[in-house]
Amino acid sequence: QEGVVGPIKTLDALKAKGFPLVYVGDVVGTGSSRK
């Protein structure tokens, strides 16, 4: 749901493969220190 809910359906479909997910990015976590 644009601007409200992220790609939850995509994440659920990936989980259905039966393995844990790994977050992969070119550059990850810039910006503030928010936990």
PDB file of all heavy atoms in Angstrom:
ATOM      1  N   GLN A   1       0.875  -1.177   0.000  1.00  0.00           N
ATOM      2  CA  GLN A   1       0.000   0.000   0.000  1.00  0.00           C
ATOM      3  C   GLN A   1       0.905   1.217   0.000  1.00  0.00           C
ATOM      4  O   GLN A   1       1.543   1.520   0.999  1.00  0.00           O
ATOM      5  CB  GLN A   1      -0.920  -0.008   1.225  1.00  0.00           C
ATOM      6  CG  GLN A   1      -1.949   1.111   1.225  1.00  0.00           C
ATOM      7  CD  GLN A   1      -2.880   1.035   2.430  1.00  0.00           C
ATOM      8  OE1 GLN A   1      -2.883   0.052   3.166  1.00  0.00           O
ATOM      9  NE2 GLN A   1      -3.676   2.082   2.628  1.00  0.00           N
ATOM     10  N   GLU A   2       0.984   1.879  -1.117  1.00  0.00           N
ATOM     11  CA  GLU A   2       1.958   2.947  -1.319  1.00  0.00           C
ATOM     12  C   GLU A   2       1.924   3.974  -0.190  1.00  0.00           C
ATOM     13  O   GLU A   2       0.879   4.522   0.151  1.00  0.00           O
ATOM     14  CB  GLU A   2       1.708   3.644  -2.654  1.00  0.00           C
ATOM     15  CG  GLU A   2       2.792   4.635  -3.055  1.00  0.00           C
ATOM     16  CD  GLU A   2       4.139   3.964  -3.299  1.00  0.00           C
ATOM     17  OE1 GLU A   2       4.153   2.780  -3.725  1.00  0.00           O
ATOM     18  OE2 GLU A   2       5.178   4.603  -3.048  1.00  0.00           O
ATOM     19  N   GLY A   3       3.103   4.186   0.406  1.00  0.00           N
ATOM     20  CA  GLY A   3       3.227   5.176   1.461  1.00  0.00           C
ATOM     21  C   GLY A   3       2.688   4.739   2.806  1.00  0.00           C
ATOM     22  O   GLY A   3       2.726   5.505   3.771  1.00  0.00           O
ATOM     23  N   VAL A   4       2.183   3.489   2.891  1.00  0.00           N
ATOM     24  CA  VAL A   4       1.590   3.016   4.149  1.00  0.00           C
ATOM     25  C   VAL A   4       2.186   1.679   4.588  1.00  0.00           C
ATOM     26  O   VAL A   4       2.664   1.537   5.715  1.00  0.00           O
ATOM     27  CB  VAL A   4       0.051   2.886   4.026  1.00  0.00           C
ATOM     28  CG1 VAL A   4      -0.539   2.374   5.349  1.00  0.00           C
ATOM     29  CG2 VAL A   4      -0.577   4.216   3.630  1.00  0.00           C
ATOM     30  N   VAL A   5       2.161   0.691   3.698  1.00  0.00           N
ATOM     31  CA  VAL A   5       2.624  -0.659   4.008  1.00  0.00           C
ATOM     32  C   VAL A   5       3.657  -1.094   2.983  1.00  0.00           C
ATOM     33  O   VAL A   5       3.445  -0.954   1.775  1.00  0.00           O
ATOM     34  CB  VAL A   5       1.453  -1.665   4.037  1.00  0.00           C
ATOM     35  CG1 VAL A   5       1.967  -3.075   4.327  1.00  0.00           C
ATOM     36  CG2 VAL A   5       0.409  -1.254   5.070  1.00  0.00           C
ATOM     37  N   GLY A   6       4.771  -1.605   3.465  1.00  0.00           N
ATOM     38  CA  GLY A   6       5.862  -2.026   2.593  1.00  0.00           C
ATOM     39  C   GLY A   6       5.577  -3.329   1.867  1.00  0.00           C
ATOM     40  O   GLY A   6       4.437  -3.814   1.841  1.00  0.00           O
ATOM     41  N   PRO A   7       6.615  -3.949   1.297  1.00  0.00           N
ATOM     42  CA  PRO A   7       6.447  -5.135   0.435  1.00  0.00           C
ATOM     43  C   PRO A   7       6.244  -6.430   1.221  1.00  0.00           C
ATOM     44  O   PRO A   7       6.993  -7.401   1.070  1.00  0.00           O
ATOM     45  CB  PRO A   7       7.746  -5.163  -0.362  1.00  0.00           C
ATOM     46  CG  PRO A   7       8.766  -4.594   0.582  1.00  0.00           C
ATOM     47  CD  PRO A   7       8.039  -3.530   1.354  1.00  0.00           C
ATOM     48  N   ILE A   8       5.226  -6.466   2.064  1.00  0.00           N
ATOM     49  CA  ILE A   8       5.010  -7.616   2.939  1.00  0.00           C
ATOM     50  C   ILE A   8       4.676  -8.873   2.129  1.00  0.00           C
ATOM     51  O   ILE A   8       5.135  -9.974   2.445  1.00  0.00           O
ATOM     52  CB  ILE A   8       3.891  -7.327   3.958  1.00  0.00           C
ATOM     53  CG1 ILE A   8       4.156  -5.997   4.683  1.00  0.00           C
ATOM     54  CG2 ILE A   8       3.782  -8.477   4.955  1.00  0.00           C
ATOM     55  CD1 ILE A   8       5.472  -5.922   5.386  1.00  0.00           C
ATOM     56  N   LYS A   9       3.877  -8.714   1.069  1.00  0.00           N
ATOM     57  CA  LYS A   9       3.519  -9.869   0.242  1.00  0.00           C
ATOM     58  C   LYS A   9       4.757 -10.477  -0.399  1.00  0.00           C
ATOM     59  O   LYS A   9       4.888 -11.702  -0.489  1.00  0.00           O
ATOM     60  CB  LYS A   9       2.502  -9.457  -0.821  1.00  0.00           C
ATOM     61  CG  LYS A   9       1.142  -9.055  -0.261  1.00  0.00           C
ATOM     62  CD  LYS A   9       0.203  -8.604  -1.370  1.00  0.00           C
ATOM     63  CE  LYS A   9      -1.145  -8.145  -0.803  1.00  0.00           C
ATOM     64  NZ  LYS A   9      -2.048  -7.626  -1.859  1.00  0.00           N
ATOM     65  N   THR A  10       5.665  -9.621  -0.852  1.00  0.00           N
ATOM     66  CA  THR A  10       6.909 -10.113  -1.440  1.00  0.00           C
ATOM     67  C   THR A  10       7.731 -10.880  -0.410  1.00  0.00           C
ATOM     68  O   THR A  10       8.242 -11.971  -0.679  1.00  0.00           O
ATOM     69  CB  THR A  10       7.746  -8.946  -1.998  1.00  0.00           C
ATOM     70  OG1 THR A  10       7.011  -8.276  -3.018  1.00  0.00           O
ATOM     71  CG2 THR A  10       9.074  -9.435  -2.553  1.00  0.00           C
ATOM     72  N   LEU A  11       7.839 -10.317   0.786  1.00  0.00           N
ATOM     73  CA  LEU A  11       8.605 -10.970   1.845  1.00  0.00           C
ATOM     74  C   LEU A  11       7.986 -12.314   2.224  1.00  0.00           C
ATOM     75  O   LEU A  11       8.697 -13.311   2.409  1.00  0.00           O
ATOM     76  CB  LEU A  11       8.681 -10.057   3.071  1.00  0.00           C
ATOM     77  CG  LEU A  11       9.527  -8.785   2.892  1.00  0.00           C
ATOM     78  CD1 LEU A  11       9.243  -7.797   4.015  1.00  0.00           C
ATOM     79  CD2 LEU A  11      11.012  -9.127   2.863  1.00  0.00           C
ATOM     80  N   ASP A  12       6.660 -12.360   2.304  1.00  0.00           N
ATOM     81  CA  ASP A  12       5.983 -13.618   2.640  1.00  0.00           C
ATOM     82  C   ASP A  12       6.213 -14.672   1.558  1.00  0.00           C
ATOM     83  O   ASP A  12       6.409 -15.856   1.847  1.00  0.00           O
ATOM     84  CB  ASP A  12       4.489 -13.378   2.836  1.00  0.00           C
ATOM     85  CG  ASP A  12       4.176 -12.641   4.130  1.00  0.00           C
ATOM     86  OD1 ASP A  12       5.053 -12.601   5.011  1.00  0.00           O
ATOM     87  OD2 ASP A  12       3.053 -12.104   4.249  1.00  0.00           O
ATOM     88  N   ALA A  13       6.177 -14.230   0.296  1.00  0.00           N
ATOM     89  CA  ALA A  13       6.397 -15.169  -0.806  1.00  0.00           C
ATOM     90  C   ALA A  13       7.820 -15.720  -0.783  1.00  0.00           C
ATOM     91  O   ALA A  13       8.045 -16.911  -1.047  1.00  0.00           O
ATOM     92  CB  ALA A  13       6.114 -14.477  -2.144  1.00  0.00           C
ATOM     93  N   LEU A  14       8.775 -14.873  -0.444  1.00  0.00           N
ATOM     94  CA  LEU A  14      10.163 -15.323  -0.358  1.00  0.00           C
ATOM     95  C   LEU A  14      10.348 -16.300   0.800  1.00  0.00           C
ATOM     96  O   LEU A  14      11.070 -17.298   0.682  1.00  0.00           O
ATOM     97  CB  LEU A  14      11.102 -14.125  -0.193  1.00  0.00           C
ATOM     98  CG  LEU A  14      11.211 -13.183  -1.398  1.00  0.00           C
ATOM     99  CD1 LEU A  14      12.014 -11.941  -1.029  1.00  0.00           C
ATOM    100  CD2 LEU A  14      11.854 -13.884  -2.588  1.00  0.00           C
ATOM    101  N   LYS A  15       9.685 -16.030   1.913  1.00  0.00           N
ATOM    102  CA  LYS A  15       9.773 -16.943   3.064  1.00  0.00           C
ATOM    103  C   LYS A  15       9.206 -18.321   2.726  1.00  0.00           C
ATOM    104  O   LYS A  15       9.634 -19.335   3.283  1.00  0.00           O
ATOM    105  CB  LYS A  15       9.032 -16.355   4.259  1.00  0.00           C
ATOM    106  CG  LYS A  15       9.739 -15.189   4.923  1.00  0.00           C
ATOM    107  CD  LYS A  15       8.935 -14.706   6.125  1.00  0.00           C
ATOM    108  CE  LYS A  15       9.611 -13.529   6.812  1.00  0.00           C
ATOM    109  NZ  LYS A  15       8.828 -13.041   7.983  1.00  0.00           N
ATOM    110  N   ALA A  16       8.251 -18.342   1.815  1.00  0.00           N
ATOM    111  CA  ALA A  16       7.614 -19.612   1.437  1.00  0.00           C
ATOM    112  C   ALA A  16       8.592 -20.569   0.763  1.00  0.00           C
ATOM    113  O   ALA A  16       8.301 -21.761   0.630  1.00  0.00           O
ATOM    114  CB  ALA A  16       6.425 -19.339   0.519  1.00  0.00           C
ATOM    115  N   LYS A  17       9.764 -20.073   0.348  1.00  0.00           N
ATOM    116  CA  LYS A  17      10.785 -20.954  -0.224  1.00  0.00           C
ATOM    117  C   LYS A  17      11.371 -21.893   0.832  1.00  0.00           C
ATOM    118  O   LYS A  17      12.044 -22.868   0.499  1.00  0.00           O
ATOM    119  CB  LYS A  17      11.903 -20.124  -0.867  1.00  0.00           C
ATOM    120  CG  LYS A  17      11.499 -19.399  -2.154  1.00  0.00           C
ATOM    121  CD  LYS A  17      12.652 -18.534  -2.653  1.00  0.00           C
ATOM    122  CE  LYS A  17      12.301 -17.877  -3.980  1.00  0.00           C
ATOM    123  NZ  LYS A  17      12.784 -18.633  -5.127  1.00  0.00           N
ATOM    124  N   GLY A  18      11.140 -21.552   2.100  1.00  0.00           N
ATOM    125  CA  GLY A  18      11.557 -22.458   3.170  1.00  0.00           C
ATOM    126  C   GLY A  18      12.888 -22.149   3.821  1.00  0.00           C
ATOM    127  O   GLY A  18      13.361 -22.918   4.668  1.00  0.00           O
ATOM    128  N   PHE A  19      13.508 -21.039   3.439  1.00  0.00           N
ATOM    129  CA  PHE A  19      14.787 -20.663   4.038  1.00  0.00           C
ATOM    130  C   PHE A  19      14.675 -19.265   4.649  1.00  0.00           C
ATOM    131  O   PHE A  19      13.839 -18.462   4.224  1.00  0.00           O
ATOM    132  CB  PHE A  19      15.909 -20.669   2.989  1.00  0.00           C
ATOM    133  CG  PHE A  19      16.176 -22.025   2.397  1.00  0.00           C
ATOM    134  CD1 PHE A  19      15.643 -22.377   1.161  1.00  0.00           C
ATOM    135  CD2 PHE A  19      16.947 -22.947   3.077  1.00  0.00           C
ATOM    136  CE1 PHE A  19      15.878 -23.630   0.608  1.00  0.00           C
ATOM    137  CE2 PHE A  19      17.195 -24.206   2.536  1.00  0.00           C
ATOM    138  CZ  PHE A  19      16.653 -24.546   1.305  1.00  0.00           C
ATOM    139  N   PRO A  20      15.516 -18.956   5.632  1.00  0.00           N
ATOM    140  CA  PRO A  20      15.504 -17.597   6.188  1.00  0.00           C
ATOM    141  C   PRO A  20      15.854 -16.567   5.118  1.00  0.00           C
ATOM    142  O   PRO A  20      16.556 -16.866   4.148  1.00  0.00           O
ATOM    143  CB  PRO A  20      16.589 -17.652   7.275  1.00  0.00           C
ATOM    144  CG  PRO A  20      16.786 -19.100   7.570  1.00  0.00           C
ATOM    145  CD  PRO A  20      16.493 -19.829   6.299  1.00  0.00           C
ATOM    146  N   LEU A  21      15.371 -15.342   5.321  1.00  0.00           N
ATOM    147  CA  LEU A  21      15.686 -14.265   4.391  1.00  0.00           C
ATOM    148  C   LEU A  21      16.979 -13.565   4.807  1.00  0.00           C
ATOM    149  O   LEU A  21      17.341 -13.538   5.976  1.00  0.00           O
ATOM    150  CB  LEU A  21      14.558 -13.229   4.366  1.00  0.00           C
ATOM    151  CG  LEU A  21      13.148 -13.714   4.015  1.00  0.00           C
ATOM    152  CD1 LEU A  21      12.205 -12.519   3.893  1.00  0.00           C
ATOM    153  CD2 LEU A  21      13.150 -14.525   2.742  1.00  0.00           C
ATOM    154  N   VAL A  22      17.647 -12.982   3.828  1.00  0.00           N
ATOM    155  CA  VAL A  22      18.805 -12.139   4.089  1.00  0.00           C
ATOM    156  C   VAL A  22      18.586 -10.812   3.380  1.00  0.00           C
ATOM    157  O   VAL A  22      18.208 -10.777   2.205  1.00  0.00           O
ATOM    158  CB  VAL A  22      20.125 -12.804   3.627  1.00  0.00           C
ATOM    159  CG1 VAL A  22      20.070 -13.222   2.160  1.00  0.00           C
ATOM    160  CG2 VAL A  22      21.311 -11.866   3.861  1.00  0.00           C
ATOM    161  N   TYR A  23      18.788  -9.719   4.104  1.00  0.00           N
ATOM    162  CA  TYR A  23      18.660  -8.386   3.522  1.00  0.00           C
ATOM    163  C   TYR A  23      19.956  -8.070   2.788  1.00  0.00           C
ATOM    164  O   TYR A  23      21.047  -8.111   3.373  1.00  0.00           O
ATOM    165  CB  TYR A  23      18.411  -7.350   4.614  1.00  0.00           C
ATOM    166  CG  TYR A  23      17.990  -5.996   4.096  1.00  0.00           C
ATOM    167  CD1 TYR A  23      16.661  -5.601   4.137  1.00  0.00           C
ATOM    168  CD2 TYR A  23      18.917  -5.101   3.563  1.00  0.00           C
ATOM    169  CE1 TYR A  23      16.260  -4.359   3.665  1.00  0.00           C
ATOM    170  CE2 TYR A  23      18.534  -3.871   3.080  1.00  0.00           C
ATOM    171  CZ  TYR A  23      17.204  -3.504   3.136  1.00  0.00           C
ATOM    172  OH  TYR A  23      16.812  -2.267   2.653  1.00  0.00           O
ATOM    173  N   VAL A  24      19.834  -7.742   1.512  1.00  0.00           N
ATOM    174  CA  VAL A  24      21.000  -7.446   0.671  1.00  0.00           C
ATOM    175  C   VAL A  24      20.814  -6.069   0.046  1.00  0.00           C
ATOM    176  O   VAL A  24      19.740  -5.757  -0.486  1.00  0.00           O
ATOM    177  CB  VAL A  24      21.171  -8.506  -0.439  1.00  0.00           C
ATOM    178  CG1 VAL A  24      22.364  -8.161  -1.330  1.00  0.00           C
ATOM    179  CG2 VAL A  24      21.332  -9.898   0.163  1.00  0.00           C
ATOM    180  N   GLY A  25      21.833  -5.231   0.124  1.00  0.00           N
ATOM    181  CA  GLY A  25      21.749  -3.902  -0.473  1.00  0.00           C
ATOM    182  C   GLY A  25      23.104  -3.414  -0.931  1.00  0.00           C
ATOM    183  O   GLY A  25      24.145  -3.891  -0.466  1.00  0.00           O
ATOM    184  N   ASP A  26      23.081  -2.469  -1.847  1.00  0.00           N
ATOM    185  CA  ASP A  26      24.342  -1.880  -2.311  1.00  0.00           C
ATOM    186  C   ASP A  26      24.972  -1.038  -1.195  1.00  0.00           C
ATOM    187  O   ASP A  26      26.149  -1.169  -0.885  1.00  0.00           O
ATOM    188  CB  ASP A  26      24.097  -1.024  -3.556  1.00  0.00           C
ATOM    189  CG  ASP A  26      23.611  -1.858  -4.739  1.00  0.00           C
ATOM    190  OD1 ASP A  26      24.201  -2.923  -4.982  1.00  0.00           O
ATOM    191  OD2 ASP A  26      22.628  -1.460  -5.392  1.00  0.00           O
ATOM    192  N   VAL A  27      24.149  -0.147  -0.629  1.00  0.00           N
ATOM    193  CA  VAL A  27      24.565   0.662   0.521  1.00  0.00           C
ATOM    194  C   VAL A  27      23.427   0.584   1.530  1.00  0.00           C
ATOM    195  O   VAL A  27      22.289   0.914   1.214  1.00  0.00           O
ATOM    196  CB  VAL A  27      24.828   2.133   0.131  1.00  0.00           C
ATOM    197  CG1 VAL A  27      25.250   2.938   1.356  1.00  0.00           C
ATOM    198  CG2 VAL A  27      25.897   2.221  -0.956  1.00  0.00           C
ATOM    199  N   VAL A  28      23.738   0.162   2.746  1.00  0.00           N
ATOM    200  CA  VAL A  28      22.686  -0.141   3.725  1.00  0.00           C
ATOM    201  C   VAL A  28      22.880   0.650   5.018  1.00  0.00           C
ATOM    202  O   VAL A  28      23.978   0.687   5.562  1.00  0.00           O
ATOM    203  CB  VAL A  28      22.658  -1.649   4.069  1.00  0.00           C
ATOM    204  CG1 VAL A  28      21.488  -1.962   5.003  1.00  0.00           C
ATOM    205  CG2 VAL A  28      22.577  -2.497   2.814  1.00  0.00           C
ATOM    206  N   GLY A  29      21.800   1.292   5.481  1.00  0.00           N
ATOM    207  CA  GLY A  29      21.765   1.833   6.836  1.00  0.00           C
ATOM    208  C   GLY A  29      22.353   3.209   7.032  1.00  0.00           C
ATOM    209  O   GLY A  29      22.698   3.572   8.161  1.00  0.00           O
ATOM    210  N   THR A  30      22.454   4.007   5.975  1.00  0.00           N
ATOM    211  CA  THR A  30      22.934   5.374   6.157  1.00  0.00           C
ATOM    212  C   THR A  30      21.869   6.198   6.876  1.00  0.00           C
ATOM    213  O   THR A  30      20.720   5.790   7.013  1.00  0.00           O
ATOM    214  CB  THR A  30      23.258   6.016   4.803  1.00  0.00           C
ATOM    215  OG1 THR A  30      22.086   5.950   3.953  1.00  0.00           O
ATOM    216  CG2 THR A  30      24.398   5.302   4.116  1.00  0.00           C
ATOM    217  N   GLY A  31      22.247   7.375   7.332  1.00  0.00           N
ATOM    218  CA  GLY A  31      21.279   8.234   8.014  1.00  0.00           C
ATOM    219  C   GLY A  31      21.457   8.199   9.513  1.00  0.00           C
ATOM    220  O   GLY A  31      22.569   8.066  10.021  1.00  0.00           O
ATOM    221  N   SER A  32      20.347   8.287  10.228  1.00  0.00           N
ATOM    222  CA  SER A  32      20.393   8.406  11.687  1.00  0.00           C
ATOM    223  C   SER A  32      20.722   7.065  12.338  1.00  0.00           C
ATOM    224  O   SER A  32      20.760   6.024  11.690  1.00  0.00           O
ATOM    225  CB  SER A  32      19.052   8.922  12.218  1.00  0.00           C
ATOM    226  OG  SER A  32      18.070   7.901  12.167  1.00  0.00           O
ATOM    227  N   SER A  33      20.886   7.119  13.659  1.00  0.00           N
ATOM    228  CA  SER A  33      21.284   5.921  14.410  1.00  0.00           C
ATOM    229  C   SER A  33      20.101   5.146  14.957  1.00  0.00           C
ATOM    230  O   SER A  33      20.277   4.294  15.813  1.00  0.00           O
ATOM    231  CB  SER A  33      22.199   6.334  15.574  1.00  0.00           C
ATOM    232  OG  SER A  33      21.509   7.223  16.441  1.00  0.00           O
ATOM    233  N   ARG A  34      18.889   5.429  14.488  1.00  0.00           N
ATOM    234  CA  ARG A  34      17.687   4.827  15.090  1.00  0.00           C
ATOM    235  C   ARG A  34      17.745   3.293  15.097  1.00  0.00           C
ATOM    236  O   ARG A  34      17.869   2.647  14.075  1.00  0.00           O
ATOM    237  CB  ARG A  34      16.433   5.334  14.363  1.00  0.00           C
ATOM    238  CG  ARG A  34      16.352   4.971  12.903  1.00  0.00           C
ATOM    239  CD  ARG A  34      15.255   5.738  12.165  1.00  0.00           C
ATOM    240  NE  ARG A  34      15.648   7.110  11.890  1.00  0.00           N
ATOM    241  CZ  ARG A  34      14.977   7.928  11.067  1.00  0.00           C
ATOM    242  NH1 ARG A  34      13.883   7.510  10.457  1.00  0.00           N
ATOM    243  NH2 ARG A  34      15.391   9.161  10.859  1.00  0.00           N
ATOM    244  N   LYS A  35      17.647   2.726  16.299  1.00  0.00           N
ATOM    245  CA  LYS A  35      17.653   1.268  16.464  1.00  0.00           C
ATOM    246  C   LYS A  35      16.422   0.635  15.836  1.00  0.00           C
ATOM    247  O   LYS A  35      16.437  -0.551  15.457  1.00  0.00           O
ATOM    248  CB  LYS A  35      17.716   0.934  17.955  1.00  0.00           C
ATOM    249  CG  LYS A  35      17.645  -0.559  18.292  1.00  0.00           C
ATOM    250  CD  LYS A  35      18.883  -1.297  17.839  1.00  0.00           C
ATOM    251  CE  LYS A  35      18.801  -2.791  18.125  1.00  0.00           C
ATOM    252  NZ  LYS A  35      18.675  -3.125  19.541  1.00  0.00           N
TER     253      LYS A  35
END
